[in-house]
Amino acid sequence: MRHFALAALLGLTLAACEEDRYRGSARHNIPIPSATYTLMSEKGMSKSQPIVIRSYKKESELEVWKKRADGKYALLKTFPMCRWSGQLGPKVREGDRMAPEGFYAIAPAQMNPNSSFYVSFNMGYPNAYDRAHGRTGAHLMVHGACSSAGCYSMTDDQIGEIYALVREAQNGGQRAVQMQAFPFRMTPENLAKHRLDPNIAFWKNLKEGSDFFEVAKDEPSVSVVGGRYAFNRDGVQVDPSLTQALSEKRQQDEIQVAALVSKGTPAVKLIYDDGDQHSSFKRQLAQSGADSMNRSVAWGSRDVGISRVDSLIGPRVVVLDDKGRTKATVRAESADNDAVLAAVSSAQAEEAKSVVAAAPAKPAAAQPAAKPASDAATQVAKATPGAATAAPIQTAAAEPAQSSFYQRALSFVPLLGSGSSESKEQAPVASVVPETPQTVTAPLPPRRASTLRTSQLQPDASYASQPVAR
């Protein structure tokens, strides 16, 4: 009994620690994990140095970059994203479930340790760019709970660590943490595939800021000029060598995009049922189920469950023609580049089958006429007085479809000197083919009654039984 009481007391104590872990405003003081401190030390970083957050929808990843002692930013950690909602593209209006894309600033006042989704921070939507375009909506967050209705949602453990990193950078003097929210990594491969998407001009504008960060390893100064993001204006001095490096990167990327297009990279548009999540969480979801996964990834949040689990399937891939019109739509297993290309190949194969099936059937090849038997095809004609020199004569069974006019006419006329009137179908018609043209003087027929008519075989009739040349 005594052991049972001690065990129960220990259980209550641990439960209280568990509760203290996430209850009340104490969550603002969530510590940075010791493993992350070790990683920062290895990379020459400290907890108080500035950070930059970069997110990528298609890849479902969120990166934390931190400034080193040399003043350059370096990647600290990449977090797999547990959930985001909507589609690739910017948020436009309240209720569209779209997670924002663009450049945002996170000030200390935007930190929320009392969130229903464990802890969170407001991205700062709408920013100056969004307001310039009349976009609506508010309270777009990065938070926990693995549930999204327009936000970037992490696990509770992940958002606790990210929150702590942002807090310590702000405590160290960073007035606002820059968040760069992209539809995808700005690679030539992604730009080639999405080159005809309606948002491509906006995404290329975002790429200008992304290029600066990747080349300079420093956050760009952001403003809005003429309805576009402008970088490093307002008197910001940029080293000429950096300007040259940016120009070279832009040109090289454009060359690679053109090369990919010339090699047949398809133009596509991805349509999600409702956003996505990182493949690691999809595997966990498949293995353990939604309830079990929810308990492990959202232990400190209000129990809202993983949002729209049934929509976490691969996106539909819309294959576009050169004018941006839909050629085919096919479901991909995931948004991964290889999966998208495999889906496109499948759609192209189905299209080819459809074209073949719809094509008119080719007419059957003409069969050569059957050769007549040799003893019936070639005969030696008997010479008669006054007749032409004997020559081989050819006969062919009469076929109405191949009969000449003379054959049809002669089939109704009795042969000279014959008392029968057999039709051509009943007996072959013989023709005498002289080897050389000859003048023949036929003997006069015996006189008969004046009403008797005579016929003379015309020269052309001698060729009537020749096979028709094809």
Protein backbone atom coordinates (compact mmCIF):
# COMPACT_ATOMS: atom_id res chain seq x y z
CA MET A 1 0.00 0.00 0.00
CA ARG A 2 2.84 2.32 0.88
CA HIS A 3 4.54 1.63 -2.49
CA PHE A 4 1.26 2.31 -4.29
CA ALA A 5 0.91 5.69 -2.54
CA LEU A 6 4.47 6.65 -3.47
CA ALA A 7 3.85 5.69 -7.08
CA ALA A 8 0.65 7.70 -7.17
CA LEU A 9 2.40 10.72 -5.64
CA LEU A 10 5.19 10.45 -8.20
CA GLY A 11 2.62 10.24 -10.99
CA LEU A 12 0.88 13.38 -9.77
CA THR A 13 4.20 15.20 -9.52
CA LEU A 14 5.14 14.28 -13.10
CA ALA A 15 1.68 15.25 -14.29
CA ALA A 16 2.07 18.64 -12.61
CA CYS A 17 5.41 19.14 -14.38
CA GLU A 18 3.74 18.19 -17.60
CA GLU A 19 1.00 20.73 -16.99
CA ASP A 20 3.51 23.43 -16.04
CA ARG A 21 5.25 22.70 -19.32
CA TYR A 22 2.58 24.47 -21.30
CA ARG A 23 0.06 26.13 -18.95
CA GLY A 24 -0.19 29.88 -18.46
CA SER A 25 2.06 32.74 -19.50
CA ALA A 26 5.12 30.72 -18.43
CA ARG A 27 5.11 29.38 -21.97
CA HIS A 28 6.73 32.62 -23.08
CA ASN A 29 9.87 31.41 -21.32
CA ILE A 30 10.12 28.09 -23.15
CA PRO A 31 13.85 27.34 -23.28
CA ILE A 32 15.82 26.65 -26.42
CA PRO A 33 16.57 22.88 -26.47
CA SER A 34 20.08 21.95 -25.37
CA ALA A 35 20.70 20.15 -28.67
CA THR A 36 20.01 23.40 -30.53
CA TYR A 37 22.42 25.27 -28.25
CA THR A 38 25.07 22.71 -29.18
CA LEU A 39 24.29 23.15 -32.88
CA MET A 40 24.57 26.94 -32.61
CA SER A 41 27.92 26.62 -30.90
CA GLU A 42 29.19 24.34 -33.67
CA LYS A 43 28.14 26.89 -36.31
CA GLY A 44 29.60 29.94 -34.58
CA MET A 45 26.23 31.38 -33.49
CA SER A 46 24.80 32.63 -30.23
CA LYS A 47 21.21 32.77 -29.00
CA SER A 48 21.04 36.59 -29.12
CA GLN A 49 22.11 37.02 -32.75
CA PRO A 50 19.45 37.91 -35.37
CA ILE A 51 17.51 35.24 -37.26
CA VAL A 52 15.58 35.00 -40.54
CA ILE A 53 12.70 32.55 -41.14
CA ARG A 54 12.11 31.11 -44.62
CA SER A 55 9.12 28.92 -45.47
CA TYR A 56 8.31 26.86 -48.58
CA LYS A 57 4.81 25.56 -49.22
CA LYS A 58 5.45 22.96 -51.92
CA GLU A 59 8.32 21.38 -50.00
CA SER A 60 6.44 21.83 -46.66
CA GLU A 61 9.55 23.08 -44.88
CA LEU A 62 10.44 25.99 -42.61
CA GLU A 63 14.03 27.11 -42.16
CA VAL A 64 15.64 29.15 -39.39
CA TRP A 65 18.76 31.04 -40.41
CA LYS A 66 20.97 32.75 -37.85
CA LYS A 67 23.65 35.40 -38.17
CA ARG A 68 27.15 34.27 -37.33
CA ALA A 69 29.97 36.27 -35.78
CA ASP A 70 31.19 37.27 -39.27
CA GLY A 71 27.87 39.01 -39.97
CA LYS A 72 26.68 36.44 -42.52
CA TYR A 73 23.54 34.36 -42.13
CA ALA A 74 23.84 30.57 -42.14
CA LEU A 75 21.22 27.85 -41.96
CA LEU A 76 20.63 26.70 -38.39
CA LYS A 77 17.79 24.18 -38.75
CA THR A 78 15.15 22.99 -41.21
CA PHE A 79 11.81 22.00 -39.71
CA PRO A 80 9.35 19.75 -41.59
CA MET A 81 6.01 21.54 -41.71
CA CYS A 82 3.10 19.67 -40.14
CA ARG A 83 0.30 21.50 -41.98
CA TRP A 84 -0.47 24.41 -44.28
CA SER A 85 -3.73 25.09 -46.09
CA GLY A 86 -4.96 26.41 -49.41
CA GLN A 87 -2.93 26.51 -52.61
CA LEU A 88 0.36 27.83 -53.93
CA GLY A 89 -0.05 31.58 -54.29
CA PRO A 90 -0.66 34.63 -52.09
CA LYS A 91 -3.50 35.16 -49.67
CA VAL A 92 -6.07 37.48 -51.26
CA ARG A 93 -9.14 37.69 -49.05
CA GLU A 94 -10.52 36.74 -45.66
CA GLY A 95 -11.67 33.12 -45.54
CA ASP A 96 -9.83 31.83 -48.62
CA ARG A 97 -7.74 29.45 -46.44
CA MET A 98 -4.59 30.68 -48.20
CA ALA A 99 -1.36 30.97 -46.21
CA PRO A 100 0.39 34.27 -47.03
CA GLU A 101 3.37 34.56 -49.36
CA GLY A 102 5.75 37.50 -49.28
CA PHE A 103 8.10 39.34 -46.90
CA TYR A 104 6.82 39.89 -43.37
CA ALA A 105 8.20 41.37 -40.13
CA ILE A 106 7.62 39.80 -36.69
CA ALA A 107 7.90 42.33 -33.86
CA PRO A 108 7.81 41.50 -30.11
CA ALA A 109 4.18 42.64 -29.88
CA GLN A 110 3.20 39.87 -32.33
CA MET A 111 4.36 37.08 -30.01
CA ASN A 112 1.55 35.13 -28.34
CA PRO A 113 2.46 32.74 -25.50
CA ASN A 114 -1.22 32.17 -24.66
CA SER A 115 -2.29 30.75 -28.00
CA SER A 116 -4.83 27.94 -28.20
CA PHE A 117 -2.27 26.35 -30.52
CA TYR A 118 0.38 26.15 -27.78
CA VAL A 119 2.41 29.29 -28.69
CA SER A 120 2.37 31.39 -31.84
CA PHE A 121 3.47 34.58 -33.51
CA ASN A 122 1.58 36.75 -35.97
CA MET A 123 3.24 36.98 -39.40
CA GLY A 124 2.15 40.59 -39.90
CA TYR A 125 -0.36 40.03 -42.70
CA PRO A 126 -1.50 42.21 -44.39
CA ASN A 127 1.78 44.03 -44.96
CA ALA A 128 2.29 47.14 -47.13
CA TYR A 129 2.28 45.06 -50.32
CA ASP A 130 -0.94 43.27 -49.38
CA ARG A 131 -2.66 46.53 -48.48
CA ALA A 132 -1.53 48.08 -51.79
CA HIS A 133 -3.38 45.26 -53.56
CA GLY A 134 -6.52 45.50 -51.44
CA ARG A 135 -6.06 42.13 -49.77
CA THR A 136 -8.07 41.30 -46.68
CA GLY A 137 -7.74 38.99 -43.69
CA ALA A 138 -5.94 39.08 -40.34
CA HIS A 139 -4.41 36.97 -37.57
CA LEU A 140 -2.33 34.78 -39.88
CA MET A 141 0.01 32.88 -37.62
CA VAL A 142 2.81 30.41 -37.31
CA HIS A 143 1.59 28.12 -34.51
CA GLY A 144 1.37 24.55 -33.21
CA ALA A 145 -1.39 21.92 -33.23
CA CYS A 146 -0.80 20.67 -36.81
CA SER A 147 -4.03 22.33 -37.89
CA SER A 148 -4.35 25.14 -40.44
CA ALA A 149 -7.01 27.45 -41.84
CA GLY A 150 -4.64 29.87 -43.55
CA CYS A 151 -1.66 29.56 -41.21
CA TYR A 152 1.67 27.73 -41.15
CA SER A 153 1.23 25.02 -38.54
CA MET A 154 4.01 23.12 -36.80
CA THR A 155 4.03 20.50 -34.05
CA ASP A 156 3.89 21.87 -30.53
CA ASP A 157 7.52 20.91 -29.87
CA GLN A 158 8.64 22.60 -33.09
CA ILE A 159 6.78 25.86 -32.49
CA GLY A 160 8.09 25.95 -28.93
CA GLU A 161 11.67 25.86 -30.23
CA ILE A 162 11.02 28.37 -33.05
CA TYR A 163 9.22 30.70 -30.64
CA ALA A 164 12.19 30.57 -28.25
CA LEU A 165 14.65 31.36 -31.06
CA VAL A 166 12.59 34.37 -32.19
CA ARG A 167 12.21 35.60 -28.58
CA GLU A 168 15.95 35.39 -27.86
CA ALA A 169 16.83 37.25 -31.08
CA GLN A 170 14.37 39.99 -30.17
CA ASN A 171 15.79 40.13 -26.65
CA GLY A 172 19.22 40.48 -28.23
CA GLY A 173 18.15 43.66 -30.06
CA GLN A 174 16.55 42.50 -33.33
CA ARG A 175 13.58 44.83 -33.72
CA ALA A 176 11.70 42.58 -36.14
CA VAL A 177 12.43 39.10 -37.42
CA GLN A 178 12.05 38.85 -41.19
CA MET A 179 9.93 35.98 -42.49
CA GLN A 180 10.28 35.15 -46.19
CA ALA A 181 7.29 33.04 -47.24
CA PHE A 182 7.67 31.37 -50.65
CA PRO A 183 5.47 29.05 -52.73
CA PHE A 184 8.49 26.80 -53.37
CA ARG A 185 12.25 26.92 -53.44
CA MET A 186 13.25 29.35 -56.19
CA THR A 187 15.16 26.82 -58.27
CA PRO A 188 15.32 26.75 -62.09
CA GLU A 189 13.44 23.43 -62.01
CA ASN A 190 10.50 24.88 -60.10
CA LEU A 191 10.44 28.07 -62.16
CA ALA A 192 10.45 26.07 -65.40
CA LYS A 193 7.54 23.88 -64.32
CA HIS A 194 5.46 26.80 -63.01
CA ARG A 195 6.36 29.23 -65.81
CA LEU A 196 2.74 29.58 -67.01
CA ASP A 197 1.08 29.76 -63.60
CA PRO A 198 -1.00 32.94 -63.19
CA ASN A 199 1.15 33.89 -60.17
CA ILE A 200 4.50 33.64 -61.95
CA ALA A 201 5.08 37.41 -62.17
CA PHE A 202 4.51 37.74 -58.40
CA TRP A 203 6.80 34.80 -57.71
CA LYS A 204 9.57 36.26 -59.86
CA ASN A 205 9.28 39.43 -57.79
CA LEU A 206 9.74 37.35 -54.62
CA LYS A 207 12.76 35.69 -56.24
CA GLU A 208 14.53 39.04 -56.40
CA GLY A 209 14.54 39.20 -52.60
CA SER A 210 15.38 35.52 -52.33
CA ASP A 211 18.37 35.93 -54.66
CA PHE A 212 19.73 38.79 -52.59
CA PHE A 213 19.54 36.75 -49.39
CA GLU A 214 21.19 33.70 -50.96
CA VAL A 215 24.01 35.67 -52.57
CA ALA A 216 24.65 38.26 -49.87
CA LYS A 217 23.79 35.98 -46.92
CA ASP A 218 22.05 38.97 -45.44
CA GLU A 219 18.41 39.99 -45.19
CA PRO A 220 17.28 42.48 -47.83
CA SER A 221 15.72 45.83 -46.98
CA VAL A 222 12.11 45.58 -48.16
CA SER A 223 9.77 48.30 -49.41
CA VAL A 224 6.88 48.56 -51.87
CA VAL A 225 7.23 50.68 -55.02
CA GLY A 226 4.63 50.78 -57.77
CA GLY A 227 2.76 47.79 -56.40
CA ARG A 228 5.89 45.60 -56.38
CA TYR A 229 8.33 44.52 -53.73
CA ALA A 230 11.49 46.61 -53.96
CA PHE A 231 14.70 45.53 -52.29
CA ASN A 232 17.52 47.63 -50.89
CA ARG A 233 16.03 51.00 -51.87
CA ASP A 234 15.73 54.02 -49.57
CA GLY A 235 19.42 54.83 -49.73
CA VAL A 236 20.66 51.34 -48.90
CA GLN A 237 24.20 50.97 -50.20
CA VAL A 238 24.95 47.75 -52.03
CA ASP A 239 28.51 46.76 -52.91
CA PRO A 240 29.08 46.82 -56.72
CA SER A 241 30.56 43.32 -56.61
CA LEU A 242 27.36 42.09 -54.94
CA THR A 243 25.27 43.77 -57.65
CA GLN A 244 27.37 42.00 -60.28
CA ALA A 245 26.99 38.65 -58.49
CA LEU A 246 23.21 39.11 -58.34
CA SER A 247 23.08 39.88 -62.06
CA GLU A 248 25.13 36.79 -62.89
CA LYS A 249 22.92 34.58 -60.73
CA ARG A 250 19.77 35.91 -62.39
CA GLN A 251 21.21 35.35 -65.87
CA GLN A 252 22.42 31.86 -65.01
CA ASP A 253 19.02 30.91 -63.60
CA GLU A 254 17.29 32.20 -66.75
CA ILE A 255 19.66 30.17 -68.96
CA GLN A 256 18.92 27.03 -66.93
CA VAL A 257 15.16 27.62 -67.11
CA ALA A 258 15.35 28.05 -70.90
CA ALA A 259 17.42 24.87 -71.21
CA LEU A 260 14.92 22.89 -69.14
CA VAL A 261 12.03 24.16 -71.24
CA SER A 262 13.84 23.27 -74.47
CA LYS A 263 14.41 19.75 -73.12
CA GLY A 264 10.69 19.30 -72.64
CA THR A 265 10.04 20.24 -69.00
CA PRO A 266 6.24 20.49 -68.88
CA ALA A 267 4.40 23.61 -67.75
CA VAL A 268 2.10 22.68 -64.86
CA LYS A 269 -0.17 24.10 -62.21
CA LEU A 270 -0.62 22.23 -58.92
CA ILE A 271 -4.06 22.15 -57.33
CA TYR A 272 -4.28 20.85 -53.77
CA ASP A 273 -7.44 19.61 -52.09
CA ASP A 274 -6.45 21.81 -49.13
CA GLY A 275 -2.75 22.40 -48.66
CA ASP A 276 -0.28 19.76 -47.61
CA GLN A 277 2.20 18.53 -45.01
CA HIS A 278 5.73 17.17 -45.05
CA SER A 279 6.15 13.58 -46.20
CA SER A 280 7.55 12.56 -42.79
CA PHE A 281 4.22 13.42 -41.17
CA LYS A 282 2.28 11.64 -43.91
CA ARG A 283 4.20 8.49 -43.12
CA GLN A 284 3.49 8.93 -39.41
CA LEU A 285 -0.18 9.54 -40.16
CA ALA A 286 -0.38 6.37 -42.24
CA GLN A 287 1.39 4.27 -39.63
CA SER A 288 -0.26 5.48 -36.41
CA GLY A 289 -3.54 7.08 -37.48
CA ALA A 290 -4.85 10.60 -36.94
CA ASP A 291 -5.77 10.26 -33.24
CA SER A 292 -2.43 8.82 -32.19
CA MET A 293 -0.49 11.36 -34.25
CA ASN A 294 -2.58 14.22 -32.88
CA ARG A 295 -1.69 13.24 -29.32
CA SER A 296 2.02 13.23 -30.11
CA VAL A 297 2.29 16.40 -32.24
CA ALA A 298 -0.29 18.58 -30.45
CA TRP A 299 0.10 17.56 -26.83
CA GLY A 300 0.05 21.17 -25.55
CA SER A 301 -2.64 22.67 -27.80
CA ARG A 302 -6.38 22.81 -27.54
CA ASP A 303 -7.63 19.54 -29.01
CA VAL A 304 -8.66 20.58 -32.51
CA GLY A 305 -7.26 17.56 -34.35
CA ILE A 306 -5.18 17.49 -37.51
CA SER A 307 -7.05 19.62 -40.04
CA ARG A 308 -8.78 17.96 -43.00
CA VAL A 309 -6.89 14.69 -42.94
CA ASP A 310 -8.85 13.41 -45.96
CA SER A 311 -7.38 16.19 -48.12
CA LEU A 312 -3.78 15.16 -47.43
CA ILE A 313 -3.29 13.40 -50.74
CA GLY A 314 -1.15 14.34 -53.69
CA PRO A 315 -2.11 17.43 -55.70
CA ARG A 316 -3.80 17.37 -59.06
CA VAL A 317 -1.32 18.29 -61.78
CA VAL A 318 -2.78 20.45 -64.53
CA VAL A 319 -0.63 20.14 -67.66
CA LEU A 320 -0.68 23.37 -69.68
CA ASP A 321 -0.06 24.03 -73.36
CA ASP A 322 2.10 26.89 -74.64
CA LYS A 323 -0.78 29.34 -74.20
CA GLY A 324 -1.52 28.30 -70.64
CA ARG A 325 -4.61 26.27 -71.54
CA THR A 326 -5.34 22.96 -69.85
CA LYS A 327 -4.21 19.91 -71.81
CA ALA A 328 -4.72 17.27 -69.15
CA THR A 329 -5.25 16.88 -65.41
CA VAL A 330 -3.87 13.96 -63.43
CA ARG A 331 -3.40 13.17 -59.73
CA ALA A 332 0.19 12.92 -58.45
CA GLU A 333 1.24 10.83 -55.48
CA SER A 334 2.84 13.91 -53.91
CA ALA A 335 4.14 17.38 -54.76
CA ASP A 336 7.67 16.03 -55.01
CA ASN A 337 9.28 16.90 -58.36
CA ASP A 338 9.74 13.26 -59.37
CA ALA A 339 6.13 12.43 -58.50
CA VAL A 340 4.85 15.41 -60.50
CA LEU A 341 6.90 14.45 -63.56
CA ALA A 342 5.74 10.84 -63.27
CA ALA A 343 2.12 12.05 -63.23
CA VAL A 344 2.74 14.21 -66.30
CA SER A 345 4.30 11.26 -68.15
CA SER A 346 1.23 9.18 -67.29
CA ALA A 347 -1.07 11.90 -68.62
CA GLN A 348 0.93 12.17 -71.82
CA ALA A 349 0.78 8.40 -72.32
CA GLU A 350 -3.00 8.42 -71.85
CA GLU A 351 -3.30 11.32 -74.29
CA ALA A 352 -1.29 9.39 -76.89
CA LYS A 353 -3.58 6.37 -76.45
CA SER A 354 -6.64 8.57 -76.91
CA VAL A 355 -5.22 10.07 -80.11
CA VAL A 356 -4.54 6.62 -81.54
CA ALA A 357 -8.00 5.39 -80.57
CA ALA A 358 -9.70 8.42 -82.13
CA ALA A 359 -7.76 8.19 -85.42
CA PRO A 360 -9.76 6.77 -88.39
CA ALA A 361 -8.92 3.19 -89.25
CA LYS A 362 -6.57 2.78 -92.18
CA PRO A 363 -8.18 1.15 -95.25
CA ALA A 364 -7.12 -2.43 -95.83
CA ALA A 365 -4.28 -2.78 -98.27
CA ALA A 366 -5.44 -3.77 -101.77
CA GLN A 367 -4.95 -7.49 -102.26
CA PRO A 368 -3.41 -8.53 -105.58
CA ALA A 369 -5.76 -10.37 -107.92
CA ALA A 370 -5.52 -14.10 -107.59
CA LYS A 371 -3.47 -15.63 -110.33
CA PRO A 372 -5.50 -17.89 -112.62
CA ALA A 373 -4.47 -21.48 -113.04
CA SER A 374 -1.55 -21.83 -115.41
CA ASP A 375 -3.26 -24.22 -117.84
CA ALA A 376 -6.27 -21.91 -118.10
CA ALA A 377 -4.27 -18.70 -118.22
CA THR A 378 -2.06 -19.46 -121.16
CA GLN A 379 -3.15 -21.33 -124.28
CA VAL A 380 -1.85 -21.73 -127.81
CA ALA A 381 -4.42 -20.61 -130.36
CA LYS A 382 -4.96 -22.72 -133.48
CA ALA A 383 -4.10 -20.90 -136.67
CA THR A 384 -6.82 -20.62 -139.23
CA PRO A 385 -6.50 -19.63 -142.87
CA GLY A 386 -6.11 -15.93 -143.19
CA ALA A 387 -5.77 -15.48 -139.43
CA ALA A 388 -2.98 -13.66 -137.73
CA THR A 389 0.18 -15.49 -136.71
CA ALA A 390 -0.45 -17.56 -133.62
CA ALA A 391 0.46 -15.86 -130.39
CA PRO A 392 -0.08 -16.60 -126.72
CA ILE A 393 -3.53 -15.64 -125.63
CA GLN A 394 -4.50 -14.72 -122.07
CA THR A 395 -7.83 -15.34 -120.49
CA ALA A 396 -9.25 -14.15 -117.20
CA ALA A 397 -12.48 -14.96 -115.46
CA ALA A 398 -14.81 -12.05 -115.98
CA GLU A 399 -15.53 -9.88 -112.90
CA PRO A 400 -18.24 -7.26 -113.25
CA ALA A 401 -16.24 -4.72 -111.23
CA GLN A 402 -13.27 -5.00 -113.59
CA SER A 403 -15.03 -5.49 -116.96
CA SER A 404 -14.35 -3.02 -119.74
CA PHE A 405 -17.04 -1.49 -121.88
CA TYR A 406 -16.19 -3.80 -124.79
CA GLN A 407 -16.39 -6.88 -122.59
CA ARG A 408 -19.82 -5.90 -121.36
CA ALA A 409 -20.97 -5.13 -124.91
CA LEU A 410 -19.64 -8.36 -126.40
CA SER A 411 -21.17 -10.45 -123.65
CA PHE A 412 -24.55 -9.80 -125.20
CA VAL A 413 -23.46 -10.54 -128.82
CA PRO A 414 -23.13 -14.18 -130.09
CA LEU A 415 -19.68 -15.05 -131.33
CA LEU A 416 -19.36 -15.12 -135.13
CA GLY A 417 -19.98 -18.55 -136.57
CA SER A 418 -21.35 -19.85 -133.25
CA GLY A 419 -24.85 -20.92 -132.56
CA SER A 420 -24.53 -20.41 -128.76
CA SER A 421 -25.15 -17.28 -126.77
CA GLU A 422 -23.20 -18.08 -123.57
CA SER A 423 -22.48 -15.07 -121.44
CA LYS A 424 -19.04 -14.01 -120.47
CA GLU A 425 -19.56 -15.28 -116.95
CA GLN A 426 -19.92 -18.78 -118.33
CA ALA A 427 -16.83 -18.88 -120.55
CA PRO A 428 -13.58 -16.94 -120.69
CA VAL A 429 -13.08 -14.51 -123.52
CA ALA A 430 -9.95 -15.19 -125.56
CA SER A 431 -7.90 -12.47 -127.08
CA VAL A 432 -5.28 -12.75 -129.79
CA VAL A 433 -2.32 -10.51 -129.22
CA PRO A 434 -0.24 -10.13 -132.45
CA GLU A 435 3.43 -9.73 -131.91
CA THR A 436 3.57 -7.05 -134.61
CA PRO A 437 0.79 -5.03 -136.17
CA GLN A 438 -0.47 -6.82 -139.30
CA THR A 439 -2.97 -6.11 -142.05
CA VAL A 440 -5.47 -8.88 -142.28
CA THR A 441 -7.79 -9.43 -145.24
CA ALA A 442 -10.66 -11.56 -144.08
CA PRO A 443 -12.64 -13.60 -146.71
CA LEU A 444 -16.09 -12.36 -147.47
CA PRO A 445 -18.83 -14.22 -145.67
CA PRO A 446 -21.37 -16.18 -147.71
CA ARG A 447 -24.29 -14.22 -148.85
CA ARG A 448 -27.35 -14.51 -146.73
CA ALA A 449 -30.69 -12.85 -146.54
CA SER A 450 -30.57 -9.12 -146.70
CA THR A 451 -31.88 -8.91 -143.17
CA LEU A 452 -28.81 -10.67 -141.76
CA ARG A 453 -26.38 -8.26 -140.06
CA THR A 454 -22.70 -8.84 -139.59
CA SER A 455 -20.33 -7.66 -136.84
CA GLN A 456 -16.67 -6.95 -137.03
CA LEU A 457 -14.46 -7.29 -133.97
CA GLN A 458 -12.78 -3.97 -133.39
CA PRO A 459 -9.05 -3.94 -132.72
CA ASP A 460 -9.53 -2.49 -129.21
CA ALA A 461 -11.56 -5.52 -128.23
CA SER A 462 -8.50 -7.74 -128.49
CA TYR A 463 -7.19 -6.20 -125.24
CA ALA A 464 -10.43 -6.41 -123.33
CA SER A 465 -9.39 -9.43 -121.30
CA GLN A 466 -6.01 -7.98 -120.27
CA PRO A 467 -5.68 -7.56 -116.49
CA VAL A 468 -6.17 -3.96 -115.43
CA ALA A 469 -2.87 -2.27 -114.53
CA ARG A 470 -2.78 -0.90 -110.90
